[in-house]
């Protein structure tokens, strides 16, 4: 999401006009995993989910969430 935010705009809020299937394909993940991660990010106020797009609201919050998820996957 951070990379897509940079591609589609730079400073938040950045609207990323991709559906979750497309994000999953770019990330090498399943759509279900992308949905779960984005819902968690939405609950934390990091992104806003809409039909066919995701708006990145908090770049540093997304970076923190990515670090937490990365450390969870390792340990």
PDB file of N, CA and C in Angstrom:
ATOM      1  N   UNK A   1       0.822  -1.174   0.000  1.00  0.00           N
ATOM      2  CA  UNK A   1       0.000   0.000   0.000  1.00  0.00           C
ATOM      3  C   UNK A   1       0.876   1.251   0.000  1.00  0.00           C
ATOM      4  N   UNK A   2       1.973   1.206   0.710  1.00  0.00           N
ATOM      5  CA  UNK A   2       2.856   2.372   0.734  1.00  0.00           C
ATOM      6  C   UNK A   2       3.399   2.664  -0.658  1.00  0.00           C
ATOM      7  N   UNK A   3       3.843   1.640  -1.353  1.00  0.00           N
ATOM      8  CA  UNK A   3       4.352   1.826  -2.715  1.00  0.00           C
ATOM      9  C   UNK A   3       3.247   2.308  -3.658  1.00  0.00           C
ATOM     10  N   UNK A   4       2.073   1.724  -3.536  1.00  0.00           N
ATOM     11  CA  UNK A   4       0.958   2.161  -4.377  1.00  0.00           C
ATOM     12  C   UNK A   4       0.585   3.602  -4.077  1.00  0.00           C
ATOM     13  N   UNK A   5       0.660   3.987  -2.814  1.00  0.00           N
ATOM     14  CA  UNK A   5       0.402   5.375  -2.447  1.00  0.00           C
ATOM     15  C   UNK A   5       1.369   6.312  -3.133  1.00  0.00           C
ATOM     16  N   UNK A   6       2.623   5.916  -3.227  1.00  0.00           N
ATOM     17  CA  UNK A   6       3.633   6.743  -3.901  1.00  0.00           C
ATOM     18  C   UNK A   6       3.371   6.801  -5.403  1.00  0.00           C
ATOM     19  N   UNK A   7       2.976   5.673  -5.969  1.00  0.00           N
ATOM     20  CA  UNK A   7       2.692   5.628  -7.411  1.00  0.00           C
ATOM     21  C   UNK A   7       1.495   6.508  -7.765  1.00  0.00           C
ATOM     22  N   UNK A   8       0.459   6.465  -6.926  1.00  0.00           N
ATOM     23  CA  UNK A   8      -0.783   7.155  -7.256  1.00  0.00           C
ATOM     24  C   UNK A   8      -0.908   8.555  -6.678  1.00  0.00           C
ATOM     25  N   UNK A   9       0.107   9.050  -5.978  1.00  0.00           N
ATOM     26  CA  UNK A   9      -0.100  10.406  -5.526  1.00  0.00           C
ATOM     27  C   UNK A   9       0.905  11.049  -4.616  1.00  0.00           C
ATOM     28  N   UNK A  10       1.555  10.317  -3.774  1.00  0.00           N
ATOM     29  CA  UNK A  10       2.494  10.967  -2.871  1.00  0.00           C
ATOM     30  C   UNK A  10       1.948  11.115  -1.471  1.00  0.00           C
ATOM     31  N   UNK A  11       1.631  12.346  -1.076  1.00  0.00           N
ATOM     32  CA  UNK A  11       1.187  12.630   0.287  1.00  0.00           C
ATOM     33  C   UNK A  11      -0.277  12.259   0.484  1.00  0.00           C
ATOM     34  N   UNK A  12      -0.582  11.623   1.610  1.00  0.00           N
ATOM     35  CA  UNK A  12      -1.969  11.262   1.907  1.00  0.00           C
ATOM     36  C   UNK A  12      -2.860  12.486   2.070  1.00  0.00           C
ATOM     37  N   UNK A  13      -4.126  12.383   1.796  1.00  0.00           N
ATOM     38  CA  UNK A  13      -4.796  11.150   1.352  1.00  0.00           C
ATOM     39  C   UNK A  13      -4.538  10.873  -0.123  1.00  0.00           C
ATOM     40  N   UNK A  14      -4.302   9.602  -0.429  1.00  0.00           N
ATOM     41  CA  UNK A  14      -4.048   9.156  -1.795  1.00  0.00           C
ATOM     42  C   UNK A  14      -5.067   8.079  -2.141  1.00  0.00           C
ATOM     43  N   UNK A  15      -5.795   8.291  -3.222  1.00  0.00           N
ATOM     44  CA  UNK A  15      -6.753   7.288  -3.677  1.00  0.00           C
ATOM     45  C   UNK A  15      -6.065   6.326  -4.634  1.00  0.00           C
ATOM     46  N   UNK A  16      -6.161   5.044  -4.312  1.00  0.00           N
ATOM     47  CA  UNK A  16      -5.576   3.977  -5.124  1.00  0.00           C
ATOM     48  C   UNK A  16      -6.733   3.280  -5.839  1.00  0.00           C
ATOM     49  N   UNK A  17      -6.852   3.489  -7.155  1.00  0.00           N
ATOM     50  CA  UNK A  17      -8.023   3.004  -7.889  1.00  0.00           C
ATOM     51  C   UNK A  17      -7.913   1.551  -8.348  1.00  0.00           C
ATOM     52  N   UNK A  18      -7.592   0.670  -7.412  1.00  0.00           N
ATOM     53  CA  UNK A  18      -7.472  -0.752  -7.727  1.00  0.00           C
ATOM     54  C   UNK A  18      -8.413  -1.550  -6.844  1.00  0.00           C
ATOM     55  N   UNK A  19      -8.976  -2.618  -7.412  1.00  0.00           N
ATOM     56  CA  UNK A  19      -9.785  -3.511  -6.595  1.00  0.00           C
ATOM     57  C   UNK A  19      -8.861  -4.437  -5.805  1.00  0.00           C
ATOM     58  N   UNK A  20      -9.401  -5.054  -4.783  1.00  0.00           N
ATOM     59  CA  UNK A  20      -8.576  -5.890  -3.905  1.00  0.00           C
ATOM     60  C   UNK A  20      -7.930  -7.054  -4.643  1.00  0.00           C
ATOM     61  N   UNK A  21      -8.568  -7.589  -5.654  1.00  0.00           N
ATOM     62  CA  UNK A  21      -7.959  -8.657  -6.447  1.00  0.00           C
ATOM     63  C   UNK A  21      -6.683  -8.169  -7.124  1.00  0.00           C
ATOM     64  N   UNK A  22      -6.701  -6.936  -7.637  1.00  0.00           N
ATOM     65  CA  UNK A  22      -5.522  -6.379  -8.292  1.00  0.00           C
ATOM     66  C   UNK A  22      -4.402  -6.118  -7.286  1.00  0.00           C
ATOM     67  N   UNK A  23      -4.758  -5.616  -6.126  1.00  0.00           N
ATOM     68  CA  UNK A  23      -3.762  -5.390  -5.072  1.00  0.00           C
ATOM     69  C   UNK A  23      -3.156  -6.726  -4.648  1.00  0.00           C
ATOM     70  N   UNK A  24      -3.998  -7.737  -4.509  1.00  0.00           N
ATOM     71  CA  UNK A  24      -3.520  -9.068  -4.131  1.00  0.00           C
ATOM     72  C   UNK A  24      -2.545  -9.611  -5.174  1.00  0.00           C
ATOM     73  N   UNK A  25      -2.860  -9.458  -6.443  1.00  0.00           N
ATOM     74  CA  UNK A  25      -1.976  -9.941  -7.502  1.00  0.00           C
ATOM     75  C   UNK A  25      -0.628  -9.231  -7.454  1.00  0.00           C
ATOM     76  N   UNK A  26      -0.642  -7.921  -7.219  1.00  0.00           N
ATOM     77  CA  UNK A  26       0.609  -7.165  -7.128  1.00  0.00           C
ATOM     78  C   UNK A  26       1.427  -7.584  -5.908  1.00  0.00           C
ATOM     79  N   UNK A  27       0.749  -7.930  -4.822  1.00  0.00           N
ATOM     80  CA  UNK A  27       1.425  -8.292  -3.581  1.00  0.00           C
ATOM     81  C   UNK A  27       1.793  -9.771  -3.506  1.00  0.00           C
ATOM     82  N   UNK A  28       1.276 -10.569  -4.424  1.00  0.00           N
ATOM     83  CA  UNK A  28       1.515 -12.007  -4.361  1.00  0.00           C
ATOM     84  C   UNK A  28       0.794 -12.648  -3.191  1.00  0.00           C
ATOM     85  N   UNK A  29      -0.409 -12.131  -2.915  1.00  0.00           N
ATOM     86  CA  UNK A  29      -1.208 -12.615  -1.786  1.00  0.00           C
ATOM     87  C   UNK A  29      -2.605 -12.970  -2.278  1.00  0.00           C
ATOM     88  N   UNK A  30      -3.384 -13.587  -1.422  1.00  0.00           N
ATOM     89  CA  UNK A  30      -4.764 -13.880  -1.788  1.00  0.00           C
ATOM     90  C   UNK A  30      -5.631 -12.643  -1.546  1.00  0.00           C
ATOM     91  N   UNK A  31      -6.767 -12.584  -2.221  1.00  0.00           N
ATOM     92  CA  UNK A  31      -7.683 -11.467  -2.024  1.00  0.00           C
ATOM     93  C   UNK A  31      -8.200 -11.462  -0.586  1.00  0.00           C
ATOM     94  N   UNK A  32      -8.406 -12.654  -0.032  1.00  0.00           N
ATOM     95  CA  UNK A  32      -8.893 -12.750   1.346  1.00  0.00           C
ATOM     96  C   UNK A  32      -7.881 -12.149   2.328  1.00  0.00           C
ATOM     97  N   UNK A  33      -6.607 -12.406   2.107  1.00  0.00           N
ATOM     98  CA  UNK A  33      -5.571 -11.835   2.973  1.00  0.00           C
ATOM     99  C   UNK A  33      -5.531 -10.321   2.837  1.00  0.00           C
ATOM    100  N   UNK A  34      -5.591  -9.829   1.613  1.00  0.00           N
ATOM    101  CA  UNK A  34      -5.598  -8.379   1.378  1.00  0.00           C
ATOM    102  C   UNK A  34      -6.812  -7.761   2.059  1.00  0.00           C
ATOM    103  N   UNK A  35      -7.961  -8.389   1.938  1.00  0.00           N
ATOM    104  CA  UNK A  35      -9.170  -7.866   2.567  1.00  0.00           C
ATOM    105  C   UNK A  35      -9.010  -7.794   4.080  1.00  0.00           C
ATOM    106  N   UNK A  36      -8.472  -8.853   4.677  1.00  0.00           N
ATOM    107  CA  UNK A  36      -8.284  -8.890   6.127  1.00  0.00           C
ATOM    108  C   UNK A  36      -7.326  -7.783   6.591  1.00  0.00           C
ATOM    109  N   UNK A  37      -6.220  -7.617   5.887  1.00  0.00           N
ATOM    110  CA  UNK A  37      -5.233  -6.595   6.255  1.00  0.00           C
ATOM    111  C   UNK A  37      -5.810  -5.195   6.066  1.00  0.00           C
ATOM    112  N   UNK A  38      -6.521  -4.979   4.956  1.00  0.00           N
ATOM    113  CA  UNK A  38      -7.100  -3.655   4.715  1.00  0.00           C
ATOM    114  C   UNK A  38      -8.212  -3.337   5.704  1.00  0.00           C
ATOM    115  N   UNK A  39      -8.991  -4.318   6.089  1.00  0.00           N
ATOM    116  CA  UNK A  39     -10.041  -4.094   7.110  1.00  0.00           C
ATOM    117  C   UNK A  39      -9.411  -3.712   8.450  1.00  0.00           C
ATOM    118  N   UNK A  40      -8.321  -4.379   8.799  1.00  0.00           N
ATOM    119  CA  UNK A  40      -7.609  -4.029  10.027  1.00  0.00           C
ATOM    120  C   UNK A  40      -7.084  -2.592   9.935  1.00  0.00           C
ATOM    121  N   UNK A  41      -6.513  -2.255   8.789  1.00  0.00           N
ATOM    122  CA  UNK A  41      -6.003  -0.890   8.590  1.00  0.00           C
ATOM    123  C   UNK A  41      -7.132   0.131   8.638  1.00  0.00           C
ATOM    124  N   UNK A  42      -8.286  -0.229   8.099  1.00  0.00           N
ATOM    125  CA  UNK A  42      -9.435   0.675   8.139  1.00  0.00           C
ATOM    126  C   UNK A  42      -9.904   0.886   9.581  1.00  0.00           C
ATOM    127  N   UNK A  43      -9.932  -0.182  10.348  1.00  0.00           N
ATOM    128  CA  UNK A  43     -10.333  -0.081  11.757  1.00  0.00           C
ATOM    129  C   UNK A  43      -9.387   0.812  12.558  1.00  0.00           C
ATOM    130  N   UNK A  44      -8.142   0.892  12.122  1.00  0.00           N
ATOM    131  CA  UNK A  44      -7.143   1.734  12.795  1.00  0.00           C
ATOM    132  C   UNK A  44      -7.117   3.151  12.221  1.00  0.00           C
ATOM    133  N   UNK A  45      -7.940   3.423  11.207  1.00  0.00           N
ATOM    134  CA  UNK A  45      -7.987   4.758  10.625  1.00  0.00           C
ATOM    135  C   UNK A  45      -6.870   5.057   9.642  1.00  0.00           C
ATOM    136  N   UNK A  46      -6.214   4.015   9.155  1.00  0.00           N
ATOM    137  CA  UNK A  46      -5.077   4.172   8.259  1.00  0.00           C
ATOM    138  C   UNK A  46      -5.527   4.292   6.806  1.00  0.00           C
ATOM    139  N   UNK A  47      -6.578   3.572   6.455  1.00  0.00           N
ATOM    140  CA  UNK A  47      -7.136   3.617   5.098  1.00  0.00           C
ATOM    141  C   UNK A  47      -8.653   3.755   5.175  1.00  0.00           C
ATOM    142  N   UNK A  48      -9.231   4.155   4.060  1.00  0.00           N
ATOM    143  CA  UNK A  48     -10.693   4.156   3.914  1.00  0.00           C
ATOM    144  C   UNK A  48     -10.992   3.286   2.695  1.00  0.00           C
ATOM    145  N   UNK A  49     -11.835   2.298   2.885  1.00  0.00           N
ATOM    146  CA  UNK A  49     -12.190   1.384   1.804  1.00  0.00           C
ATOM    147  C   UNK A  49     -13.488   1.828   1.159  1.00  0.00           C
ATOM    148  N   UNK A  50     -13.499   1.824  -0.157  1.00  0.00           N
ATOM    149  CA  UNK A  50     -14.687   2.146  -0.941  1.00  0.00           C
ATOM    150  C   UNK A  50     -14.751   1.157  -2.089  1.00  0.00           C
ATOM    151  N   UNK A  51     -15.872   1.133  -2.758  1.00  0.00           N
ATOM    152  CA  UNK A  51     -16.051   0.225  -3.888  1.00  0.00           C
ATOM    153  C   UNK A  51     -15.024   0.539  -4.981  1.00  0.00           C
ATOM    154  N   UNK A  52     -14.130  -0.412  -5.244  1.00  0.00           N
ATOM    155  CA  UNK A  52     -13.169  -0.278  -6.334  1.00  0.00           C
ATOM    156  C   UNK A  52     -11.987   0.626  -6.059  1.00  0.00           C
ATOM    157  N   UNK A  53     -11.821   1.057  -4.809  1.00  0.00           N
ATOM    158  CA  UNK A  53     -10.674   1.909  -4.499  1.00  0.00           C
ATOM    159  C   UNK A  53     -10.383   1.876  -3.005  1.00  0.00           C
ATOM    160  N   UNK A  54      -9.159   2.228  -2.692  1.00  0.00           N
ATOM    161  CA  UNK A  54      -8.710   2.337  -1.303  1.00  0.00           C
ATOM    162  C   UNK A  54      -8.027   3.689  -1.171  1.00  0.00           C
ATOM    163  N   UNK A  55      -8.341   4.406  -0.109  1.00  0.00           N
ATOM    164  CA  UNK A  55      -7.693   5.694   0.131  1.00  0.00           C
ATOM    165  C   UNK A  55      -6.745   5.544   1.301  1.00  0.00           C
ATOM    166  N   UNK A  56      -5.470   5.800   1.042  1.00  0.00           N
ATOM    167  CA  UNK A  56      -4.448   5.772   2.083  1.00  0.00           C
ATOM    168  C   UNK A  56      -4.519   7.101   2.829  1.00  0.00           C
ATOM    169  N   UNK A  57      -4.842   7.039   4.109  1.00  0.00           N
ATOM    170  CA  UNK A  57      -5.029   8.236   4.918  1.00  0.00           C
ATOM    171  C   UNK A  57      -3.813   8.564   5.776  1.00  0.00           C
ATOM    172  N   UNK A  58      -3.082   7.549   6.202  1.00  0.00           N
ATOM    173  CA  UNK A  58      -2.000   7.736   7.165  1.00  0.00           C
ATOM    174  C   UNK A  58      -0.819   6.863   6.768  1.00  0.00           C
ATOM    175  N   UNK A  59       0.154   7.473   6.102  1.00  0.00           N
ATOM    176  CA  UNK A  59       1.309   6.733   5.609  1.00  0.00           C
ATOM    177  C   UNK A  59       2.136   6.140   6.754  1.00  0.00           C
ATOM    178  N   UNK A  60       2.373   6.913   7.804  1.00  0.00           N
ATOM    179  CA  UNK A  60       3.172   6.390   8.914  1.00  0.00           C
ATOM    180  C   UNK A  60       2.416   5.282   9.652  1.00  0.00           C
ATOM    181  N   UNK A  61       1.099   5.404   9.752  1.00  0.00           N
ATOM    182  CA  UNK A  61       0.299   4.347  10.363  1.00  0.00           C
ATOM    183  C   UNK A  61       0.367   3.061   9.551  1.00  0.00           C
ATOM    184  N   UNK A  62       0.364   3.183   8.230  1.00  0.00           N
ATOM    185  CA  UNK A  62       0.480   2.001   7.370  1.00  0.00           C
ATOM    186  C   UNK A  62       1.862   1.378   7.527  1.00  0.00           C
ATOM    187  N   UNK A  63       2.886   2.203   7.633  1.00  0.00           N
ATOM    188  CA  UNK A  63       4.239   1.672   7.829  1.00  0.00           C
ATOM    189  C   UNK A  63       4.337   0.926   9.155  1.00  0.00           C
ATOM    190  N   UNK A  64       3.734   1.472  10.211  1.00  0.00           N
ATOM    191  CA  UNK A  64       3.741   0.786  11.516  1.00  0.00           C
ATOM    192  C   UNK A  64       3.010  -0.547  11.430  1.00  0.00           C
ATOM    193  N   UNK A  65       1.853  -0.544  10.779  1.00  0.00           N
ATOM    194  CA  UNK A  65       1.074  -1.775  10.635  1.00  0.00           C
ATOM    195  C   UNK A  65       1.864  -2.816   9.844  1.00  0.00           C
ATOM    196  N   UNK A  66       2.553  -2.389   8.798  1.00  0.00           N
ATOM    197  CA  UNK A  66       3.361  -3.315   7.994  1.00  0.00           C
ATOM    198  C   UNK A  66       4.484  -3.921   8.830  1.00  0.00           C
ATOM    199  N   UNK A  67       5.123  -3.105   9.679  1.00  0.00           N
ATOM    200  CA  UNK A  67       6.199  -3.630  10.529  1.00  0.00           C
ATOM    201  C   UNK A  67       5.654  -4.646  11.525  1.00  0.00           C
ATOM    202  N   UNK A  68       4.500  -4.359  12.111  1.00  0.00           N
ATOM    203  CA  UNK A  68       3.889  -5.278  13.078  1.00  0.00           C
ATOM    204  C   UNK A  68       3.542  -6.593  12.394  1.00  0.00           C
ATOM    205  N   UNK A  69       2.919  -6.517  11.227  1.00  0.00           N
ATOM    206  CA  UNK A  69       2.527  -7.733  10.510  1.00  0.00           C
ATOM    207  C   UNK A  69       3.763  -8.521  10.077  1.00  0.00           C
ATOM    208  N   UNK A  70       4.830  -7.817   9.677  1.00  0.00           N
ATOM    209  CA  UNK A  70       6.059  -8.476   9.264  1.00  0.00           C
ATOM    210  C   UNK A  70       6.704  -9.210  10.440  1.00  0.00           C
ATOM    211  N   UNK A  71       6.737  -8.580  11.601  1.00  0.00           N
ATOM    212  CA  UNK A  71       7.318  -9.238  12.775  1.00  0.00           C
ATOM    213  C   UNK A  71       6.454 -10.400  13.246  1.00  0.00           C
ATOM    214  N   UNK A  72       5.127 -10.296  13.093  1.00  0.00           N
ATOM    215  CA  UNK A  72       4.227 -11.404  13.433  1.00  0.00           C
ATOM    216  C   UNK A  72       4.494 -12.610  12.546  1.00  0.00           C
ATOM    217  N   UNK A  73       4.760 -12.356  11.271  1.00  0.00           N
ATOM    218  CA  UNK A  73       4.986 -13.440  10.325  1.00  0.00           C
ATOM    219  C   UNK A  73       6.297 -14.180  10.620  1.00  0.00           C
ATOM    220  N   UNK A  74       7.265 -13.448  11.171  1.00  0.00           N
ATOM    221  CA  UNK A  74       8.562 -14.055  11.472  1.00  0.00           C
ATOM    222  C   UNK A  74       8.564 -14.824  12.780  1.00  0.00           C
ATOM    223  N   UNK A  75       7.739 -14.402  13.727  1.00  0.00           N
ATOM    224  CA  UNK A  75       7.880 -15.004  15.035  1.00  0.00           C
ATOM    225  C   UNK A  75       6.685 -15.666  15.481  1.00  0.00           C
TER     226      UNK A  75
END
